[in-house]
Amino acid sequence: MDSRTRIGLTGLGASDQIIRALLDGQTLRGVTDAELATLKMPISVLPSVPENPIHQRHTVDRFRRLQPDSDELPGCPEPPRPDFGPHLAQFLASVTKFTDR
């Protein structure tokens, strides 16, 4: 996935430095795990179900290990996938619950 993204960014004229800043990282692109571990805010993680090459389950698991006080929301397909529609109400309820904390 990163190689395709790198090719696309190069084609758009991005420098190697910008591409590295966007794609390098550990659990999440562009951010080190040490940086993620220092976050001191409420965090909820929304996994993609089913997972896909861009949004993988292992990313959720690694992030939750870095932020053990984070919550995991019920997963759903990502919009605008056609199978997202039936999950819209649960998605909105989860996001609303998170923002009401």
N, C-alpha and C. Protein backbone atom coordinates (compact mmCIF):
# COMPACT_ATOMS: atom_id res chain seq x y z
N MET A 1 0.82 -1.18 0.00
CA MET A 1 0.00 0.00 0.00
C MET A 1 0.87 1.25 0.00
N ASP A 2 1.90 1.28 0.84
CA ASP A 2 2.76 2.46 0.91
C ASP A 2 3.47 2.72 -0.41
N SER A 3 3.86 1.66 -1.10
CA SER A 3 4.57 1.88 -2.37
C SER A 3 3.64 2.54 -3.39
N ARG A 4 2.38 2.14 -3.42
CA ARG A 4 1.42 2.79 -4.33
C ARG A 4 1.21 4.25 -3.94
N THR A 5 1.11 4.50 -2.65
CA THR A 5 0.93 5.86 -2.17
C THR A 5 2.16 6.71 -2.50
N ARG A 6 3.35 6.14 -2.29
CA ARG A 6 4.59 6.84 -2.59
C ARG A 6 4.65 7.22 -4.07
N ILE A 7 4.28 6.29 -4.94
CA ILE A 7 4.28 6.56 -6.39
C ILE A 7 3.29 7.68 -6.71
N GLY A 8 2.11 7.62 -6.11
CA GLY A 8 1.11 8.65 -6.35
C GLY A 8 1.57 10.02 -5.88
N LEU A 9 2.18 10.08 -4.69
CA LEU A 9 2.66 11.36 -4.17
C LEU A 9 3.81 11.91 -5.02
N THR A 10 4.68 11.02 -5.47
CA THR A 10 5.77 11.44 -6.35
C THR A 10 5.21 12.02 -7.64
N GLY A 11 4.21 11.34 -8.18
CA GLY A 11 3.56 11.83 -9.40
C GLY A 11 2.90 13.19 -9.24
N LEU A 12 2.50 13.49 -8.01
CA LEU A 12 1.89 14.79 -7.73
C LEU A 12 2.93 15.86 -7.41
N GLY A 13 4.21 15.47 -7.40
CA GLY A 13 5.28 16.44 -7.20
C GLY A 13 5.78 16.57 -5.78
N ALA A 14 5.37 15.68 -4.89
CA ALA A 14 5.84 15.75 -3.50
C ALA A 14 7.31 15.38 -3.42
N SER A 15 8.05 16.09 -2.58
CA SER A 15 9.47 15.79 -2.39
C SER A 15 9.62 14.53 -1.55
N ASP A 16 10.82 13.94 -1.60
CA ASP A 16 11.09 12.75 -0.78
C ASP A 16 10.91 13.08 0.70
N GLN A 17 11.31 14.27 1.12
CA GLN A 17 11.19 14.67 2.52
C GLN A 17 9.71 14.70 2.95
N ILE A 18 8.86 15.25 2.13
CA ILE A 18 7.42 15.31 2.44
C ILE A 18 6.83 13.91 2.45
N ILE A 19 7.20 13.10 1.49
CA ILE A 19 6.68 11.73 1.42
C ILE A 19 7.09 10.95 2.67
N ARG A 20 8.34 11.08 3.08
CA ARG A 20 8.80 10.39 4.30
C ARG A 20 8.02 10.88 5.52
N ALA A 21 7.79 12.17 5.61
CA ALA A 21 7.06 12.72 6.76
C ALA A 21 5.63 12.19 6.81
N LEU A 22 5.04 11.98 5.64
CA LEU A 22 3.67 11.48 5.59
C LEU A 22 3.56 9.98 5.81
N LEU A 23 4.53 9.22 5.34
CA LEU A 23 4.41 7.76 5.36
C LEU A 23 5.21 7.07 6.45
N ASP A 24 6.27 7.70 6.93
CA ASP A 24 7.05 7.06 7.97
C ASP A 24 6.27 7.06 9.27
N GLY A 25 6.60 6.18 10.10
CA GLY A 25 5.93 6.07 11.39
C GLY A 25 5.94 4.63 11.82
N GLN A 26 5.26 4.36 12.88
CA GLN A 26 5.22 3.00 13.37
C GLN A 26 3.78 2.51 13.32
N THR A 27 3.02 2.74 14.36
CA THR A 27 1.63 2.29 14.36
C THR A 27 0.79 3.09 13.37
N LEU A 28 0.96 4.41 13.37
CA LEU A 28 0.25 5.28 12.44
C LEU A 28 1.25 6.05 11.59
N ARG A 29 0.93 6.24 10.35
CA ARG A 29 1.80 6.98 9.45
C ARG A 29 2.03 8.39 9.98
N GLY A 30 3.26 8.85 9.84
CA GLY A 30 3.59 10.21 10.17
C GLY A 30 3.75 10.51 11.65
N VAL A 31 3.62 9.49 12.51
CA VAL A 31 3.70 9.68 13.96
C VAL A 31 4.48 8.52 14.56
N THR A 32 5.35 8.84 15.51
CA THR A 32 6.08 7.75 16.18
C THR A 32 5.22 7.18 17.30
N ASP A 33 5.50 5.97 17.68
CA ASP A 33 4.78 5.37 18.81
C ASP A 33 5.03 6.16 20.09
N ALA A 34 6.23 6.71 20.25
CA ALA A 34 6.52 7.53 21.43
C ALA A 34 5.59 8.74 21.48
N GLU A 35 5.33 9.35 20.32
CA GLU A 35 4.42 10.49 20.28
C GLU A 35 3.00 10.06 20.62
N LEU A 36 2.56 8.94 20.06
CA LEU A 36 1.21 8.45 20.35
C LEU A 36 1.02 8.14 21.83
N ALA A 37 2.05 7.60 22.44
CA ALA A 37 1.95 7.22 23.86
C ALA A 37 1.81 8.42 24.78
N THR A 38 2.17 9.61 24.31
CA THR A 38 2.09 10.80 25.16
C THR A 38 0.74 11.51 25.09
N LEU A 39 -0.15 11.06 24.26
CA LEU A 39 -1.46 11.72 24.15
C LEU A 39 -2.20 11.63 25.48
N LYS A 40 -2.74 12.73 25.92
CA LYS A 40 -3.41 12.79 27.23
C LYS A 40 -4.84 13.29 27.07
N MET A 41 -5.56 12.73 26.15
CA MET A 41 -6.94 13.13 25.89
C MET A 41 -7.81 11.89 25.78
N PRO A 42 -9.11 12.04 25.89
CA PRO A 42 -9.97 10.87 25.67
C PRO A 42 -9.81 10.37 24.23
N ILE A 43 -9.66 9.09 24.08
CA ILE A 43 -9.47 8.50 22.75
C ILE A 43 -10.39 7.30 22.60
N SER A 44 -11.10 7.28 21.49
CA SER A 44 -11.86 6.10 21.09
C SER A 44 -11.37 5.69 19.71
N VAL A 45 -11.28 4.40 19.51
CA VAL A 45 -10.78 3.85 18.25
C VAL A 45 -11.94 3.16 17.55
N LEU A 46 -12.10 3.46 16.28
CA LEU A 46 -13.17 2.88 15.47
C LEU A 46 -12.54 1.96 14.43
N PRO A 47 -12.59 0.65 14.67
CA PRO A 47 -12.00 -0.27 13.70
C PRO A 47 -12.86 -0.41 12.44
N SER A 48 -12.19 -0.66 11.35
CA SER A 48 -12.89 -0.96 10.11
C SER A 48 -13.24 -2.44 10.10
N VAL A 49 -14.52 -2.73 9.91
CA VAL A 49 -14.98 -4.12 9.83
C VAL A 49 -15.82 -4.23 8.56
N PRO A 50 -15.35 -4.95 7.57
CA PRO A 50 -14.14 -5.77 7.60
C PRO A 50 -12.89 -4.91 7.44
N GLU A 51 -11.76 -5.44 7.94
CA GLU A 51 -10.52 -4.71 7.75
C GLU A 51 -10.16 -4.73 6.27
N ASN A 52 -9.28 -3.85 5.88
CA ASN A 52 -8.84 -3.77 4.49
C ASN A 52 -7.38 -3.37 4.47
N PRO A 53 -6.74 -3.31 3.31
CA PRO A 53 -5.31 -3.01 3.28
C PRO A 53 -4.94 -1.65 3.89
N ILE A 54 -5.86 -0.72 3.93
CA ILE A 54 -5.57 0.60 4.49
C ILE A 54 -5.87 0.65 5.98
N HIS A 55 -6.95 0.02 6.40
CA HIS A 55 -7.36 0.02 7.81
C HIS A 55 -7.36 -1.41 8.33
N GLN A 56 -6.26 -1.77 8.98
CA GLN A 56 -6.05 -3.15 9.41
C GLN A 56 -6.25 -3.31 10.91
N ARG A 57 -6.69 -4.47 11.31
CA ARG A 57 -6.96 -4.76 12.72
C ARG A 57 -5.72 -4.58 13.59
N HIS A 58 -4.57 -4.99 13.09
CA HIS A 58 -3.36 -4.90 13.91
C HIS A 58 -3.03 -3.46 14.28
N THR A 59 -3.46 -2.50 13.48
CA THR A 59 -3.23 -1.09 13.81
C THR A 59 -4.04 -0.71 15.06
N VAL A 60 -5.29 -1.14 15.11
CA VAL A 60 -6.13 -0.89 16.29
C VAL A 60 -5.50 -1.51 17.53
N ASP A 61 -5.07 -2.75 17.41
CA ASP A 61 -4.48 -3.45 18.56
C ASP A 61 -3.20 -2.77 19.04
N ARG A 62 -2.35 -2.37 18.12
CA ARG A 62 -1.10 -1.69 18.51
C ARG A 62 -1.40 -0.34 19.15
N PHE A 63 -2.33 0.40 18.59
CA PHE A 63 -2.68 1.71 19.15
C PHE A 63 -3.23 1.55 20.56
N ARG A 64 -4.09 0.56 20.76
CA ARG A 64 -4.68 0.35 22.09
C ARG A 64 -3.64 -0.07 23.12
N ARG A 65 -2.59 -0.75 22.69
CA ARG A 65 -1.49 -1.07 23.62
C ARG A 65 -0.74 0.20 24.02
N LEU A 66 -0.62 1.15 23.08
CA LEU A 66 0.04 2.43 23.38
C LEU A 66 -0.83 3.33 24.24
N GLN A 67 -2.14 3.19 24.09
CA GLN A 67 -3.10 4.00 24.83
C GLN A 67 -4.09 3.06 25.53
N PRO A 68 -3.66 2.40 26.61
CA PRO A 68 -4.51 1.39 27.25
C PRO A 68 -5.82 1.94 27.82
N ASP A 69 -5.92 3.23 28.05
CA ASP A 69 -7.16 3.81 28.57
C ASP A 69 -8.14 4.18 27.44
N SER A 70 -7.75 3.93 26.20
CA SER A 70 -8.63 4.25 25.09
C SER A 70 -9.79 3.26 25.03
N ASP A 71 -10.85 3.67 24.38
CA ASP A 71 -12.02 2.81 24.19
C ASP A 71 -12.03 2.32 22.75
N GLU A 72 -12.60 1.15 22.56
CA GLU A 72 -12.80 0.66 21.20
C GLU A 72 -14.30 0.68 20.91
N LEU A 73 -14.66 1.43 19.89
CA LEU A 73 -16.06 1.52 19.47
C LEU A 73 -16.41 0.30 18.64
N PRO A 74 -17.70 -0.01 18.50
CA PRO A 74 -18.08 -1.10 17.63
C PRO A 74 -17.63 -0.81 16.19
N GLY A 75 -16.98 -1.76 15.59
CA GLY A 75 -16.48 -1.58 14.23
C GLY A 75 -17.60 -1.57 13.20
N CYS A 76 -17.26 -1.00 12.05
CA CYS A 76 -18.21 -0.97 10.94
C CYS A 76 -17.45 -0.77 9.64
N PRO A 77 -18.12 -1.02 8.52
CA PRO A 77 -17.49 -0.71 7.24
C PRO A 77 -17.28 0.80 7.15
N GLU A 78 -16.29 1.20 6.38
CA GLU A 78 -16.04 2.64 6.26
C GLU A 78 -16.93 3.24 5.17
N PRO A 79 -17.47 4.44 5.45
CA PRO A 79 -18.22 5.12 4.39
C PRO A 79 -17.22 5.53 3.32
N PRO A 80 -17.51 5.57 2.09
CA PRO A 80 -18.82 5.43 1.47
C PRO A 80 -19.12 4.02 0.96
N ARG A 81 -18.56 2.99 1.58
CA ARG A 81 -18.84 1.62 1.14
C ARG A 81 -20.34 1.37 1.18
N PRO A 82 -20.86 0.65 0.22
CA PRO A 82 -22.30 0.40 0.18
C PRO A 82 -22.82 -0.33 1.41
N ASP A 83 -21.97 -1.12 2.07
CA ASP A 83 -22.43 -1.87 3.24
C ASP A 83 -22.35 -1.05 4.53
N PHE A 84 -22.03 0.25 4.45
CA PHE A 84 -21.99 1.11 5.63
C PHE A 84 -23.39 1.48 6.11
N GLY A 85 -24.32 1.65 5.20
CA GLY A 85 -25.67 2.14 5.52
C GLY A 85 -26.31 1.52 6.74
N PRO A 86 -26.37 0.20 6.85
CA PRO A 86 -27.00 -0.41 8.02
C PRO A 86 -26.28 -0.11 9.35
N HIS A 87 -25.06 0.39 9.29
CA HIS A 87 -24.28 0.67 10.49
C HIS A 87 -24.34 2.15 10.89
N LEU A 88 -25.00 2.96 10.09
CA LEU A 88 -25.00 4.40 10.32
C LEU A 88 -25.52 4.77 11.71
N ALA A 89 -26.64 4.21 12.13
CA ALA A 89 -27.21 4.57 13.43
C ALA A 89 -26.25 4.22 14.57
N GLN A 90 -25.64 3.04 14.54
CA GLN A 90 -24.68 2.65 15.58
C GLN A 90 -23.46 3.54 15.55
N PHE A 91 -22.98 3.87 14.36
CA PHE A 91 -21.83 4.76 14.22
C PHE A 91 -22.12 6.12 14.86
N LEU A 92 -23.28 6.70 14.52
CA LEU A 92 -23.65 8.01 15.07
C LEU A 92 -23.82 7.95 16.58
N ALA A 93 -24.42 6.86 17.08
CA ALA A 93 -24.59 6.72 18.53
C ALA A 93 -23.23 6.63 19.23
N SER A 94 -22.28 5.89 18.64
CA SER A 94 -20.95 5.76 19.23
C SER A 94 -20.21 7.09 19.26
N VAL A 95 -20.28 7.80 18.15
CA VAL A 95 -19.60 9.10 18.09
C VAL A 95 -20.24 10.09 19.05
N THR A 96 -21.57 10.08 19.13
CA THR A 96 -22.27 10.98 20.04
C THR A 96 -21.91 10.67 21.49
N LYS A 97 -21.86 9.39 21.84
CA LYS A 97 -21.49 8.99 23.20
C LYS A 97 -20.08 9.46 23.54
N PHE A 98 -19.18 9.34 22.57
CA PHE A 98 -17.80 9.77 22.79
C PHE A 98 -17.72 11.28 23.01
N THR A 99 -18.42 12.04 22.19
CA THR A 99 -18.34 13.50 22.29
C THR A 99 -19.06 14.04 23.51
N ASP A 100 -19.98 13.26 24.08
CA ASP A 100 -20.71 13.70 25.26
C ASP A 100 -19.95 13.46 26.57
N ARG A 101 -18.78 12.86 26.50
CA ARG A 101 -18.02 12.56 27.73
C ARG A 101 -17.60 13.82 28.44
